[in-house]
Amino acid sequence: MDRLFHAAADGSRKIDVDPSEMSERRGDGWVWLDVLDPTDDDIDRLCREFDLDRLTRADLGDEAQFPKVDDLDSHIVVVTHGLANDDTQVRTVEIDLVLGPNWLLTVHDEPLLAVDHVFERSCHRRFELEGPDHLMARIIEFSGERFLPLLDGLDQRILDLEDQAIEGDPTILADVQVLRREVSTLRRVLGPQRSALLMAARLDELGPRAQRELSDALDHHTRLIESLDAAHGLLATVLDTYRAAAAEQMNEVMKVLTVFSAIVLPLSLIAGIYGMNFANMPELENPAAYFIVLAAMAVVALGLYLYFVRRGFIGGPKLSTLTRGTSRVGRGMASMAVLPVRAVGTVVRSPSGSNGDDEE
């Protein structure tokens, strides 16, 4: 599907222009042709229409390419990636932008919200456009802004996973694996894209407004990459926290079993001794011997239990209950923010009252 935007020399703008009128429209102002999911025949037609070379034809026809910038004699080729309109997984879609003296060509295989947003607003007077180079920069900027909401969602998701890791919830393993794969996917694309934007922002063929828009897009990508790098480390920390919580739970189980075995062992010893059926055993003829032995067992069991509690073998705090009912995982640096401030350059007095050296 092709759609055409035309900006006339007198400043008027018009969208949804018949693409067949592109040749005559290019003589009055400049045009933007947006092509969705083109076939090989469509790409051949575009190459003839805009007089594109063989390398540009290969860029438009390849299924997937890393972001790059090619400064050719008659046009500039910028390959970027935008966020796909997919609510099932995080993935990117390639956007090929070819900039000429009075035209802009964009080619992508799937609908993109950033491109649709710019196309719908391009006819509004408040939406500033100084030329096809400025339009290309604005498309790239909006494509970068589409990634920004992912950061807030990613940060909140990691916080939730940290709470689940403290609880030792095994379901976080699949969630962490999915997040790490998505973070790696975005990092693998946005890294080269930042380098491409840095190169594009330095092109002399672009106007000052376009270079400023690309600088803003470059700032967005820098923030994205830094956040993704931090998220990758935080996800590794979440896994370590989960392993520690799982080990703590296993230690608690082993501790209970060990204490139970230690308490039952002397009771089994007493029962085993009195089950030997010797004739001259103490209290064997006493009518209350059964209850005496049971009382002795109870005293031994209670004594061992109190001993284990006093030694801290059982009854200690659990990792999953340390932060229950609070809004944060643990204590951080907030308490340090209220410490008194020590002025720089104060005079330090010696205990004898004489002046010591100034502390700088």
Protein backbone atom coordinates (compact mmCIF):
# COMPACT_ATOMS: atom_id res chain seq x y z
CA MET A 1 0.00 0.00 0.00
CA ASP A 2 1.38 3.41 -1.05
CA ARG A 3 0.40 6.78 0.37
CA LEU A 4 1.68 10.15 -0.69
CA PHE A 5 2.17 13.44 1.15
CA HIS A 6 2.77 16.64 -0.78
CA ALA A 7 4.13 19.95 0.55
CA ALA A 8 3.69 22.63 -2.11
CA ALA A 9 6.05 25.52 -2.69
CA ASP A 10 3.45 27.97 -1.33
CA GLY A 11 3.44 26.16 2.03
CA SER A 12 0.20 24.21 1.60
CA ARG A 13 0.16 20.54 2.56
CA LYS A 14 -1.96 17.66 1.42
CA ILE A 15 -2.07 13.99 2.41
CA ASP A 16 -3.66 10.97 0.72
CA VAL A 17 -2.57 12.26 -2.65
CA ASP A 18 -2.86 9.77 -5.51
CA PRO A 19 0.61 8.16 -5.77
CA SER A 20 0.29 8.20 -9.54
CA GLU A 21 0.56 12.01 -9.37
CA MET A 22 3.95 11.89 -7.66
CA SER A 23 5.98 12.91 -10.72
CA GLU A 24 4.05 16.11 -11.30
CA ARG A 25 3.85 16.88 -7.56
CA ARG A 26 7.65 16.72 -7.26
CA GLY A 27 7.88 19.72 -9.54
CA ASP A 28 5.96 21.85 -7.02
CA GLY A 29 7.56 21.61 -3.59
CA TRP A 30 8.48 18.20 -2.27
CA VAL A 31 6.79 14.81 -1.59
CA TRP A 32 6.90 11.93 0.85
CA LEU A 33 6.01 8.47 -0.43
CA ASP A 34 5.36 5.83 2.23
CA VAL A 35 5.35 2.23 0.94
CA LEU A 36 4.05 -0.65 3.05
CA ASP A 37 5.09 -4.26 2.39
CA PRO A 38 6.35 -3.80 -1.19
CA THR A 39 6.87 -6.63 -3.65
CA ASP A 40 9.93 -7.02 -5.85
CA ASP A 41 8.04 -5.38 -8.71
CA ASP A 42 7.16 -2.43 -6.46
CA ILE A 43 10.81 -1.97 -5.49
CA ASP A 44 11.84 -2.06 -9.15
CA ARG A 45 9.24 0.59 -9.90
CA LEU A 46 10.51 2.79 -7.06
CA CYS A 47 14.08 2.47 -8.28
CA ARG A 48 13.04 3.65 -11.72
CA GLU A 49 10.92 6.48 -10.34
CA PHE A 50 13.63 7.88 -8.04
CA ASP A 51 16.64 6.76 -10.10
CA LEU A 52 18.08 4.60 -7.32
CA ASP A 53 21.27 2.62 -7.79
CA ARG A 54 21.87 -1.10 -7.37
CA LEU A 55 23.09 -0.85 -3.76
CA THR A 56 19.98 1.06 -2.71
CA ARG A 57 17.87 -1.53 -4.51
CA ALA A 58 19.56 -4.22 -2.41
CA ASP A 59 18.94 -2.26 0.79
CA LEU A 60 15.23 -1.96 0.02
CA GLY A 61 14.90 -5.61 -0.99
CA ASP A 62 16.78 -7.29 1.86
CA GLU A 63 14.56 -8.73 4.57
CA ALA A 64 16.67 -7.63 7.56
CA GLN A 65 19.60 -5.29 7.94
CA PHE A 66 21.37 -3.64 10.81
CA PRO A 67 20.93 0.15 11.11
CA LYS A 68 23.28 2.11 8.89
CA VAL A 69 23.72 5.33 6.90
CA ASP A 70 24.90 5.55 3.26
CA ASP A 71 25.69 9.00 1.87
CA LEU A 72 25.49 8.59 -1.92
CA ASP A 73 25.82 11.16 -4.66
CA SER A 74 22.14 11.74 -5.41
CA HIS A 75 20.47 10.54 -2.20
CA ILE A 76 20.99 9.38 1.38
CA VAL A 77 19.94 5.96 2.66
CA VAL A 78 19.17 5.53 6.37
CA VAL A 79 18.21 2.10 7.72
CA THR A 80 16.63 2.16 11.18
CA HIS A 81 14.38 -0.08 13.26
CA GLY A 82 11.10 0.81 14.93
CA LEU A 83 9.03 -0.95 17.56
CA ALA A 84 6.55 -3.39 16.05
CA ASN A 85 2.83 -3.16 16.83
CA ASP A 86 2.82 -6.52 18.61
CA ASP A 87 1.35 -7.10 22.08
CA THR A 88 2.66 -10.68 22.34
CA GLN A 89 6.40 -10.04 22.12
CA VAL A 90 8.92 -7.23 21.81
CA ARG A 91 10.43 -7.07 18.34
CA THR A 92 11.53 -4.45 15.84
CA VAL A 93 10.64 -3.69 12.23
CA GLU A 94 13.11 -2.31 9.71
CA ILE A 95 12.41 1.13 8.25
CA ASP A 96 14.31 2.13 5.11
CA LEU A 97 14.42 5.90 4.53
CA VAL A 98 15.79 7.27 1.25
CA LEU A 99 16.22 11.04 1.12
CA GLY A 100 16.52 12.99 -2.12
CA PRO A 101 16.69 16.69 -2.93
CA ASN A 102 12.89 17.17 -3.01
CA TRP A 103 11.51 13.82 -1.95
CA LEU A 104 11.54 11.26 0.86
CA LEU A 105 10.84 7.55 0.44
CA THR A 106 10.05 5.28 3.39
CA VAL A 107 9.70 1.49 3.04
CA HIS A 108 8.67 -0.94 5.78
CA ASP A 109 7.08 -4.39 5.86
CA GLU A 110 4.62 -3.78 8.71
CA PRO A 111 2.49 -0.85 9.89
CA LEU A 112 4.32 1.30 12.43
CA LEU A 113 2.69 3.68 14.90
CA ALA A 114 5.53 6.19 14.59
CA VAL A 115 5.17 6.46 10.80
CA ASP A 116 1.37 6.59 11.02
CA HIS A 117 1.59 9.30 13.68
CA VAL A 118 3.87 11.49 11.57
CA PHE A 119 1.77 10.95 8.43
CA GLU A 120 -1.45 11.94 10.18
CA ARG A 121 0.08 15.04 11.75
CA SER A 122 2.10 16.13 8.72
CA CYS A 123 -0.85 18.09 7.29
CA HIS A 124 -1.30 20.18 10.45
CA ARG A 125 0.23 23.62 10.43
CA ARG A 126 1.46 23.26 14.00
CA PHE A 127 3.52 20.25 12.97
CA GLU A 128 6.67 21.98 11.75
CA LEU A 129 8.27 20.61 8.60
CA GLU A 130 11.02 22.50 6.82
CA GLY A 131 11.71 19.93 4.14
CA PRO A 132 12.12 16.22 3.45
CA ASP A 133 15.29 16.09 5.56
CA HIS A 134 13.43 17.52 8.56
CA LEU A 135 10.60 15.04 7.96
CA MET A 136 13.04 12.13 7.90
CA ALA A 137 14.56 13.31 11.19
CA ARG A 138 11.12 13.60 12.80
CA ILE A 139 10.19 10.07 11.73
CA ILE A 140 13.41 8.76 13.27
CA GLU A 141 12.80 10.77 16.45
CA PHE A 142 9.25 9.47 16.90
CA SER A 143 10.47 5.93 16.23
CA GLY A 144 12.97 6.32 19.06
CA GLU A 145 10.36 7.76 21.42
CA ARG A 146 8.25 4.65 20.87
CA PHE A 147 10.86 2.67 22.81
CA LEU A 148 10.77 4.94 25.86
CA PRO A 149 7.56 3.53 27.46
CA LEU A 150 9.28 0.16 27.52
CA LEU A 151 11.78 1.51 30.04
CA ASP A 152 9.16 2.40 32.65
CA GLY A 153 7.44 -0.94 32.17
CA LEU A 154 10.75 -2.77 32.33
CA ASP A 155 11.78 -1.04 35.57
CA GLN A 156 8.45 -1.84 37.22
CA ARG A 157 8.59 -5.43 36.00
CA ILE A 158 12.06 -5.89 37.47
CA LEU A 159 10.85 -4.49 40.82
CA ASP A 160 8.00 -7.00 40.81
CA LEU A 161 10.40 -9.81 39.98
CA GLU A 162 12.64 -8.78 42.87
CA ASP A 163 9.72 -9.17 45.27
CA GLN A 164 8.92 -12.58 43.77
CA ALA A 165 12.58 -13.57 44.03
CA ILE A 166 12.57 -12.73 47.75
CA GLU A 167 9.58 -15.05 48.13
CA GLY A 168 11.41 -17.78 46.21
CA ASP A 169 8.70 -17.96 43.53
CA PRO A 170 9.97 -20.39 40.86
CA THR A 171 7.74 -18.83 38.16
CA ILE A 172 10.16 -15.90 37.83
CA LEU A 173 12.65 -18.10 35.96
CA ALA A 174 10.55 -18.06 32.80
CA ASP A 175 9.79 -14.33 33.18
CA VAL A 176 13.44 -13.44 33.67
CA GLN A 177 14.45 -15.52 30.67
CA VAL A 178 11.89 -13.77 28.44
CA LEU A 179 12.97 -10.33 29.66
CA ARG A 180 16.65 -11.11 29.12
CA ARG A 181 15.94 -12.25 25.57
CA GLU A 182 13.91 -9.10 24.83
CA VAL A 183 16.56 -6.85 26.37
CA SER A 184 19.23 -8.54 24.26
CA THR A 185 17.09 -8.11 21.14
CA LEU A 186 16.66 -4.39 21.73
CA ARG A 187 20.30 -3.91 22.70
CA ARG A 188 21.48 -5.68 19.56
CA VAL A 189 19.43 -3.27 17.40
CA LEU A 190 19.69 0.01 19.32
CA GLY A 191 23.46 -0.14 19.68
CA PRO A 192 24.21 0.04 15.93
CA GLN A 193 21.26 2.40 15.49
CA ARG A 194 22.82 4.92 17.87
CA SER A 195 26.04 4.80 15.84
CA ALA A 196 24.03 5.31 12.64
CA LEU A 197 22.21 8.30 14.11
CA LEU A 198 25.49 9.82 15.23
CA MET A 199 26.75 9.56 11.66
CA ALA A 200 23.47 10.91 10.20
CA ALA A 201 23.48 13.93 12.53
CA ARG A 202 26.84 14.99 11.09
CA LEU A 203 25.78 14.96 7.43
CA ASP A 204 26.30 18.31 5.76
CA GLU A 205 23.35 17.67 3.42
CA LEU A 206 20.91 17.96 6.33
CA GLY A 207 19.60 21.27 7.58
CA PRO A 208 20.08 22.56 11.14
CA ARG A 209 16.53 21.58 12.19
CA ALA A 210 17.02 18.03 10.94
CA GLN A 211 20.37 17.76 12.71
CA ARG A 212 18.78 18.97 15.96
CA GLU A 213 15.96 16.41 15.67
CA LEU A 214 18.51 13.67 15.07
CA SER A 215 20.46 14.86 18.12
CA ASP A 216 17.31 14.46 20.20
CA ALA A 217 16.81 10.98 18.78
CA LEU A 218 20.44 10.22 19.61
CA ASP A 219 19.82 11.27 23.23
CA HIS A 220 16.81 8.95 23.38
CA HIS A 221 18.86 6.04 22.11
CA THR A 222 21.67 6.75 24.56
CA ARG A 223 19.19 6.66 27.43
CA LEU A 224 17.64 3.48 26.05
CA ILE A 225 20.97 1.68 25.79
CA GLU A 226 22.07 2.74 29.27
CA SER A 227 18.76 1.54 30.72
CA LEU A 228 18.98 -1.76 28.85
CA ASP A 229 22.52 -2.33 30.12
CA ALA A 230 21.38 -1.62 33.67
CA ALA A 231 18.35 -3.88 33.23
CA HIS A 232 20.56 -6.73 32.04
CA GLY A 233 22.60 -6.50 35.24
CA LEU A 234 19.49 -6.19 37.42
CA LEU A 235 17.97 -9.31 35.88
CA ALA A 236 21.14 -11.22 36.72
CA THR A 237 20.82 -9.91 40.29
CA VAL A 238 17.20 -11.08 40.40
CA LEU A 239 18.33 -14.58 39.48
CA ASP A 240 20.98 -14.50 42.21
CA THR A 241 18.37 -13.33 44.71
CA TYR A 242 16.03 -16.15 43.70
CA ARG A 243 18.80 -18.72 44.05
CA ALA A 244 19.65 -17.36 47.50
CA ALA A 245 15.97 -17.46 48.55
CA ALA A 246 15.56 -21.00 47.18
CA ALA A 247 18.70 -22.10 49.01
CA GLU A 248 17.40 -20.46 52.19
CA GLN A 249 14.12 -22.34 51.84
CA MET A 250 15.95 -25.61 51.30
CA ASN A 251 18.17 -24.93 54.31
CA GLU A 252 15.07 -24.28 56.38
CA VAL A 253 13.60 -27.62 55.33
CA MET A 254 16.82 -29.45 56.07
CA LYS A 255 17.08 -27.67 59.41
CA VAL A 256 13.56 -28.77 60.42
CA LEU A 257 14.24 -32.36 59.37
CA THR A 258 17.55 -32.38 61.21
CA VAL A 259 16.05 -30.98 64.42
CA PHE A 260 13.15 -33.44 64.20
CA SER A 261 15.57 -36.34 63.74
CA ALA A 262 17.74 -35.11 66.64
CA ILE A 263 14.71 -34.96 68.94
CA VAL A 264 13.29 -38.34 67.90
CA LEU A 265 16.65 -40.15 68.13
CA PRO A 266 16.93 -40.27 71.97
CA LEU A 267 13.24 -41.14 72.21
CA SER A 268 13.81 -44.08 69.88
CA LEU A 269 16.79 -45.06 72.02
CA ILE A 270 14.67 -45.13 75.17
CA ALA A 271 11.90 -47.08 73.44
CA GLY A 272 14.47 -49.50 72.01
CA ILE A 273 16.01 -50.16 75.42
CA TYR A 274 12.67 -50.89 77.01
CA GLY A 275 11.75 -53.13 74.12
CA MET A 276 14.56 -55.62 74.84
CA ASN A 277 12.36 -57.69 77.23
CA PHE A 278 15.03 -58.33 79.89
CA ALA A 279 13.71 -59.72 83.15
CA ASN A 280 15.54 -57.38 85.54
CA MET A 281 14.81 -53.98 83.97
CA PRO A 282 14.13 -50.95 86.25
CA GLU A 283 10.49 -50.09 86.89
CA LEU A 284 9.40 -53.18 84.97
CA GLU A 285 6.94 -54.24 87.70
CA ASN A 286 5.82 -50.70 88.53
CA PRO A 287 2.21 -50.08 87.38
CA ALA A 288 3.12 -46.46 86.48
CA ALA A 289 6.31 -47.37 84.59
CA TYR A 290 4.67 -46.74 81.19
CA PHE A 291 3.71 -43.20 82.15
CA ILE A 292 7.11 -42.60 83.77
CA VAL A 293 8.90 -43.54 80.55
CA LEU A 294 6.55 -41.33 78.48
CA ALA A 295 7.19 -38.41 80.85
CA ALA A 296 10.94 -38.96 80.57
CA MET A 297 10.61 -38.92 76.78
CA ALA A 298 8.60 -35.68 76.91
CA VAL A 299 11.18 -34.04 79.18
CA VAL A 300 14.03 -35.11 76.88
CA ALA A 301 12.18 -33.86 73.76
CA LEU A 302 11.29 -30.51 75.37
CA GLY A 303 14.81 -30.05 76.66
CA LEU A 304 16.31 -30.68 73.24
CA TYR A 305 13.83 -28.31 71.60
CA LEU A 306 14.65 -25.51 74.04
CA TYR A 307 18.36 -26.14 73.53
CA PHE A 308 18.03 -25.86 69.73
CA VAL A 309 15.98 -22.67 70.04
CA ARG A 310 18.53 -21.10 72.38
CA ARG A 311 21.35 -21.99 70.01
CA GLY A 312 19.43 -20.40 67.11
CA PHE A 313 19.05 -23.60 65.13
CA ILE A 314 15.30 -23.01 64.72
CA GLY A 315 13.00 -20.04 65.03
CA GLY A 316 15.23 -17.54 63.17
CA PRO A 317 13.89 -14.92 60.73
CA LYS A 318 13.20 -15.98 57.15
CA LEU A 319 14.24 -14.03 54.07
CA SER A 320 10.70 -14.03 52.65
CA THR A 321 9.24 -12.48 55.84
CA LEU A 322 11.80 -9.75 56.41
CA THR A 323 10.01 -7.28 54.09
CA ARG A 324 6.45 -8.54 54.33
CA GLY A 325 4.06 -5.64 54.81
CA THR A 326 6.60 -3.04 53.61
CA SER A 327 6.88 -1.22 50.30
CA ARG A 328 10.56 -1.92 49.66
CA VAL A 329 12.82 -4.92 49.61
CA GLY A 330 15.25 -3.78 52.27
CA ARG A 331 17.07 -0.83 53.75
CA GLY A 332 18.87 1.39 51.29
CA MET A 333 20.65 4.75 51.45
CA ALA A 334 17.57 6.80 52.37
CA SER A 335 18.63 7.01 56.01
CA MET A 336 21.97 8.51 54.96
CA ALA A 337 20.21 11.44 53.30
CA VAL A 338 19.38 12.95 56.72
CA LEU A 339 22.91 12.72 58.13
CA PRO A 340 24.37 16.08 59.23
CA VAL A 341 26.47 17.82 56.61
CA ARG A 342 30.08 18.51 57.53
CA ALA A 343 31.37 21.76 56.09
CA VAL A 344 34.48 21.64 53.99
CA GLY A 345 37.48 23.51 55.40
CA THR A 346 36.47 23.47 59.08
CA VAL A 347 39.22 23.90 61.65
CA VAL A 348 40.04 20.79 63.66
CA ARG A 349 41.00 21.53 67.31
CA SER A 350 43.35 19.32 69.22
CA PRO A 351 42.24 18.01 72.64
CA SER A 352 44.68 20.38 74.38
CA GLY A 353 42.93 23.38 72.88
CA SER A 354 45.68 24.39 70.46
CA ASN A 355 44.87 24.80 66.83
CA GLY A 356 45.60 21.83 64.65
CA ASP A 357 46.04 21.74 60.93
CA ASP A 358 43.10 22.86 58.81
CA GLU A 359 41.23 20.00 57.20
CA GLU A 360 40.64 20.79 53.53
